[in-house]
Every structure is written in C-alpha cells, then in structure tokens.
C-alpha cells in the first residue's frame, strides 16, 4: 500500500480552460520545512538512538545540504532513519498528528500566500500544490485550517522492512514530471516557489513568482528566468 497523495491527488478530468496556477508548499504556504521538523521531533529524546544509523554520513552533511542532490539524498535517508522499525500505518498516524499540531501553532502560515491561493480559487483558477513533501503531512496541515479548493501533487511514500521510503519524490525536475504524468495541460500560467530547487517548475510556467528569496537566490533566479520573474516579499 502506497502512502502519500502524489499525482493521485490531481484531478484527471479533461482540460476545462481554467488557468493552471502552481504553488510550492514549504517556504511558500508555510514558513518551515515541515517534513524536516517531523524528522527532528521523531529523532529527539528517546528517539535519538536512531541517529546512530546515520552516523557514517554525519561528517558529510555540511557538504550535502547546500546542493539539490544532497538535500534529496538527506531527505530520503532521514525518512528511513526516523521511521525505522515503524509500521506504515503508525507512520501515517504520527505524521498526520504532527501536521495537525503544526497547523495550530501561531504564525506558521504565510498569510499572503494563503490569501493569494484563496484569491486564485475564487477567480476560478485551477490551483495545484506541487511539493516534495509527503502528501499525508500536507493534507493534515491544510485540513486543520480548512483550506480548500486546491489539488495536490505530492511525494508518495511506502512502508518496508527498513522503514518508510519515497517511491516518488517530487523535488527539482520531478515536480514538472509529476504534473506531466498527471496530464496537467500546459500552459501553466503562474508558478510560486521559494528556492532554486523550484527552477524547473518556475521555468515551465508563463509567469514565475519567487517568494522571500535571499539576495543571492534572487540574483541567480533573475539571471535564469529573465523578465518572467517577479520577486514577492510576503508575510
């Protein structure tokens, strides 16, 4: 049994003429990398023994964390470490409870992003959240605050003898591939992202919106995206 929404969360009905608007999740709609926060919670306290399994790569973390490939590797590694010995159903229950608790914390949502998402829905746009996060976590967070009107293209996970692992990890170019596999017709009118890992999705859209980037990221994105880029400073 596969976990996560992945492309299964995307409506596969025929194109209906609506504008397609894409949103990243972590760093755009919410302010944190929420799956990373879940890992940290599971690896704290009595769960700290699990870190022993990642000990061989700890010296390499500073080198890996700065690159898209390194972040992808670390995400896959720590998903297994944080869920080692857990049944798939247990993981789903834990990540859902974490997501609901996270959504109740003050200030975790970017209110301008939520307002923009709701505005696009009200205007009749087809809004799709495209994320490398686990769909169960994303749905739990958004369901807790009753945010509706979106479709979800998220990573998919599956349980196994060595913990839960990604079977589809929607990061970097996989975001675009996931949309194509789901039959989402181009053109994609607008894409909202927050990092250089969103560049494939931003490039594929007619208008690219980069949310709260650092000056270095904004400069590089501007060089690669040109006039189609708009930098947004959202709260």
Protein backbone atom coordinates (compact mmCIF):
# COMPACT_ATOMS: atom_id res chain seq x y z
CA UNK A 1 0.00 0.00 0.00
CA UNK A 2 1.42 3.34 -1.03
CA UNK A 3 1.21 6.38 1.18
CA UNK A 4 1.05 9.96 0.08
CA UNK A 5 -1.18 11.66 -2.41
CA UNK A 6 1.28 12.21 -5.25
CA UNK A 7 -0.27 12.60 -8.65
CA UNK A 8 -3.30 10.67 -7.41
CA UNK A 9 -4.41 13.89 -5.72
CA UNK A 10 -4.64 15.70 -9.05
CA UNK A 11 -7.98 15.79 -10.83
CA UNK A 12 -7.58 13.88 -14.08
CA UNK A 13 -10.60 15.31 -15.82
CA UNK A 14 -10.19 16.83 -19.25
CA UNK A 15 -8.83 20.34 -19.61
CA UNK A 16 -11.56 22.85 -18.91
CA UNK A 17 -9.95 26.11 -19.93
CA UNK A 18 -9.10 27.31 -16.44
CA UNK A 19 -5.72 28.90 -15.78
CA UNK A 20 -3.35 26.49 -14.05
CA UNK A 21 -1.61 28.04 -11.03
CA UNK A 22 1.11 26.12 -9.20
CA UNK A 23 2.19 26.59 -5.58
CA UNK A 24 5.14 25.08 -3.76
CA UNK A 25 4.25 24.28 -0.15
CA UNK A 26 7.17 24.51 2.30
CA UNK A 27 8.61 28.01 2.31
CA UNK A 28 5.66 29.41 0.37
CA UNK A 29 2.37 28.48 2.05
CA UNK A 30 4.02 27.56 5.36
CA UNK A 31 7.21 29.07 6.71
CA UNK A 32 9.11 25.90 7.58
CA UNK A 33 10.38 22.69 6.03
CA UNK A 34 7.71 20.68 7.79
CA UNK A 35 8.91 17.17 6.98
CA UNK A 36 12.31 18.13 8.38
CA UNK A 37 10.58 19.33 11.55
CA UNK A 38 8.83 15.97 11.78
CA UNK A 39 12.18 14.20 11.46
CA UNK A 40 13.64 16.37 14.22
CA UNK A 41 10.74 15.58 16.53
CA UNK A 42 11.00 11.83 15.93
CA UNK A 43 14.78 11.88 16.45
CA UNK A 44 14.69 13.86 19.69
CA UNK A 45 14.59 12.45 23.21
CA UNK A 46 14.23 8.68 23.37
CA UNK A 47 14.29 8.52 19.57
CA UNK A 48 17.84 9.83 19.46
CA UNK A 49 19.27 6.32 19.18
CA UNK A 50 18.06 6.27 15.59
CA UNK A 51 20.73 8.81 14.68
CA UNK A 52 23.32 6.07 15.10
CA UNK A 53 22.13 4.66 11.77
CA UNK A 54 23.07 7.93 10.04
CA UNK A 55 26.39 8.31 11.85
CA UNK A 56 28.56 7.41 8.82
CA UNK A 57 27.17 10.33 6.79
CA UNK A 58 27.12 12.96 9.57
CA UNK A 59 30.54 14.39 8.58
CA UNK A 60 29.23 14.86 5.03
CA UNK A 61 26.04 16.71 5.98
CA UNK A 62 27.57 20.24 5.66
CA UNK A 63 28.70 19.34 2.14
CA UNK A 64 25.43 17.73 1.10
CA UNK A 65 22.98 20.26 2.50
CA UNK A 66 23.98 23.01 0.10
CA UNK A 67 23.02 21.18 -3.09
CA UNK A 68 19.73 19.97 -4.53
CA UNK A 69 21.07 16.44 -4.92
CA UNK A 70 22.45 16.44 -1.40
CA UNK A 71 19.19 17.65 0.09
CA UNK A 72 17.32 14.98 -1.85
CA UNK A 73 19.66 12.29 -0.51
CA UNK A 74 19.35 13.55 3.07
CA UNK A 75 15.56 13.65 2.83
CA UNK A 76 15.44 10.03 1.71
CA UNK A 77 17.97 8.96 4.34
CA UNK A 78 16.30 10.63 7.30
CA UNK A 79 12.84 9.44 6.30
CA UNK A 80 14.13 5.89 6.69
CA UNK A 81 16.04 6.70 9.89
CA UNK A 82 13.06 8.44 11.52
CA UNK A 83 10.69 5.59 10.65
CA UNK A 84 12.96 2.57 11.11
CA UNK A 85 11.02 -0.17 12.88
CA UNK A 86 7.69 1.63 12.39
CA UNK A 87 4.75 0.14 10.54
CA UNK A 88 3.37 2.13 7.64
CA UNK A 89 0.09 2.74 9.46
CA UNK A 90 1.96 4.01 12.50
CA UNK A 91 3.98 6.43 10.38
CA UNK A 92 0.82 7.75 8.77
CA UNK A 93 -0.82 8.27 12.16
CA UNK A 94 2.25 10.04 13.56
CA UNK A 95 2.78 12.32 10.58
CA UNK A 96 -0.91 13.26 10.46
CA UNK A 97 -0.95 14.11 14.17
CA UNK A 98 2.22 16.16 13.74
CA UNK A 99 0.73 18.06 10.81
CA UNK A 100 -2.43 18.95 12.68
CA UNK A 101 -0.45 20.11 15.71
CA UNK A 102 1.87 22.16 13.49
CA UNK A 103 -1.06 23.92 11.83
CA UNK A 104 -2.30 25.08 15.23
CA UNK A 105 0.95 26.85 16.05
CA UNK A 106 0.78 30.65 15.71
CA UNK A 107 2.42 32.27 12.73
CA UNK A 108 3.35 29.16 10.75
CA UNK A 109 1.34 30.10 7.66
CA UNK A 110 2.41 32.80 5.24
CA UNK A 111 -0.79 34.80 5.28
CA UNK A 112 -0.08 36.49 1.94
CA UNK A 113 0.37 33.09 0.29
CA UNK A 114 -2.87 31.76 1.77
CA UNK A 115 -4.66 34.91 0.60
CA UNK A 116 -3.19 34.50 -2.90
CA UNK A 117 -4.21 30.84 -3.05
CA UNK A 118 -7.75 31.66 -1.99
CA UNK A 119 -7.90 34.54 -4.48
CA UNK A 120 -6.88 32.25 -7.34
CA UNK A 121 -9.54 29.73 -6.27
CA UNK A 122 -12.18 32.48 -6.10
CA UNK A 123 -11.17 33.68 -9.57
CA UNK A 124 -11.80 30.21 -10.95
CA UNK A 125 -8.18 29.17 -11.48
CA UNK A 126 -7.10 25.55 -11.20
CA UNK A 127 -4.76 25.64 -8.19
CA UNK A 128 -2.29 22.79 -7.72
CA UNK A 129 0.12 22.48 -4.80
CA UNK A 130 3.25 20.78 -6.13
CA UNK A 131 5.56 19.64 -3.36
CA UNK A 132 8.32 17.26 -2.42
CA UNK A 133 6.64 16.83 0.95
CA UNK A 134 4.60 13.76 1.90
CA UNK A 135 1.00 14.25 0.85
CA UNK A 136 -0.34 12.97 4.17
CA UNK A 137 1.52 15.69 6.04
CA UNK A 138 0.45 18.45 3.65
CA UNK A 139 -3.20 17.38 3.74
CA UNK A 140 -3.20 17.20 7.54
CA UNK A 141 -1.83 20.73 7.81
CA UNK A 142 -4.25 22.26 5.32
CA UNK A 143 -7.25 20.28 6.53
CA UNK A 144 -6.67 21.55 10.07
CA UNK A 145 -7.24 25.13 8.89
CA UNK A 146 -10.00 24.16 6.45
CA UNK A 147 -8.12 25.33 3.37
CA UNK A 148 -9.97 24.03 0.32
CA UNK A 149 -10.13 24.38 -3.43
CA UNK A 150 -6.69 23.05 -4.34
CA UNK A 151 -5.38 19.87 -5.94
CA UNK A 152 -2.26 18.17 -4.65
CA UNK A 153 0.75 16.70 -6.45
CA UNK A 154 2.93 15.47 -3.59
CA UNK A 155 5.60 12.88 -2.96
CA UNK A 156 4.48 9.30 -2.36
CA UNK A 157 5.84 7.02 0.33
CA UNK A 158 5.61 3.33 1.12
CA UNK A 159 6.44 1.22 4.15
CA UNK A 160 9.06 -1.51 4.09
CA UNK A 161 11.26 -3.68 6.32
CA UNK A 162 13.71 -0.82 6.85
CA UNK A 163 11.24 1.98 7.43
CA UNK A 164 9.17 4.21 5.18
CA UNK A 165 10.74 5.33 1.91
CA UNK A 166 9.86 7.57 -1.02
CA UNK A 167 8.55 5.85 -4.12
CA UNK A 168 8.12 9.21 -5.85
CA UNK A 169 9.96 12.25 -4.55
CA UNK A 170 8.68 15.44 -6.19
CA UNK A 171 11.78 17.59 -5.97
CA UNK A 172 13.62 19.60 -8.61
CA UNK A 173 12.62 18.41 -12.10
CA UNK A 174 10.32 15.72 -10.70
CA UNK A 175 7.72 18.41 -9.97
CA UNK A 176 7.35 19.10 -13.67
CA UNK A 177 7.40 15.40 -14.49
CA UNK A 178 4.69 14.68 -11.91
CA UNK A 179 2.43 17.29 -13.49
CA UNK A 180 3.06 15.89 -16.95
CA UNK A 181 2.38 12.34 -15.77
CA UNK A 182 -0.88 13.54 -14.23
CA UNK A 183 -1.92 15.01 -17.56
CA UNK A 184 -1.99 18.64 -16.44
CA UNK A 185 -2.11 20.53 -19.74
CA UNK A 186 0.22 23.40 -20.46
CA UNK A 187 0.45 26.32 -20.43
CA UNK A 188 0.84 26.68 -16.69
CA UNK A 189 0.01 30.31 -16.08
CA UNK A 190 1.79 31.06 -12.78
CA UNK A 191 4.16 29.18 -10.51
CA UNK A 192 5.04 30.21 -6.96
CA UNK A 193 8.30 28.88 -5.49
CA UNK A 194 10.85 29.87 -2.88
CA UNK A 195 14.17 28.30 -3.87
CA UNK A 196 16.41 27.33 -6.76
CA UNK A 197 15.12 23.77 -6.50
CA UNK A 198 11.84 25.15 -7.86
CA UNK A 199 13.53 26.45 -11.03
CA UNK A 200 12.26 23.67 -13.33
CA UNK A 201 8.68 24.43 -12.29
CA UNK A 202 9.23 28.19 -12.48
CA UNK A 203 10.79 27.88 -15.95
CA UNK A 204 7.84 25.82 -17.17
CA UNK A 205 5.30 28.47 -16.15
CA UNK A 206 4.43 31.58 -18.13
CA UNK A 207 4.98 33.75 -15.04
CA UNK A 208 7.39 32.85 -12.22
CA UNK A 209 6.91 34.22 -8.72
CA UNK A 210 9.74 33.74 -6.21
CA UNK A 211 8.70 34.14 -2.59
CA UNK A 212 11.04 35.69 0.01
CA UNK A 213 14.32 34.67 -1.64
CA UNK A 214 17.72 35.61 -0.31
CA UNK A 215 19.52 38.24 -2.43
CA UNK A 216 21.84 35.53 -3.79
CA UNK A 217 18.94 33.30 -4.85
CA UNK A 218 17.02 36.23 -6.32
CA UNK A 219 20.03 37.28 -8.39
CA UNK A 220 20.62 33.81 -9.78
CA UNK A 221 16.92 33.25 -10.48
CA UNK A 222 16.71 36.60 -12.27
CA UNK A 223 19.61 35.62 -14.49
CA UNK A 224 17.95 32.32 -15.39
CA UNK A 225 14.32 33.43 -15.66
CA UNK A 226 14.65 36.96 -17.01
CA UNK A 227 11.59 39.17 -17.36
CA UNK A 228 9.15 36.41 -16.42
CA UNK A 229 10.35 36.54 -12.80
CA UNK A 230 8.60 38.51 -10.07
CA UNK A 231 10.10 38.58 -6.58
CA UNK A 232 7.50 38.66 -3.81
CA UNK A 233 8.16 39.73 -0.24
CA UNK A 234 5.34 38.03 1.62
CA UNK A 235 4.40 37.91 5.28
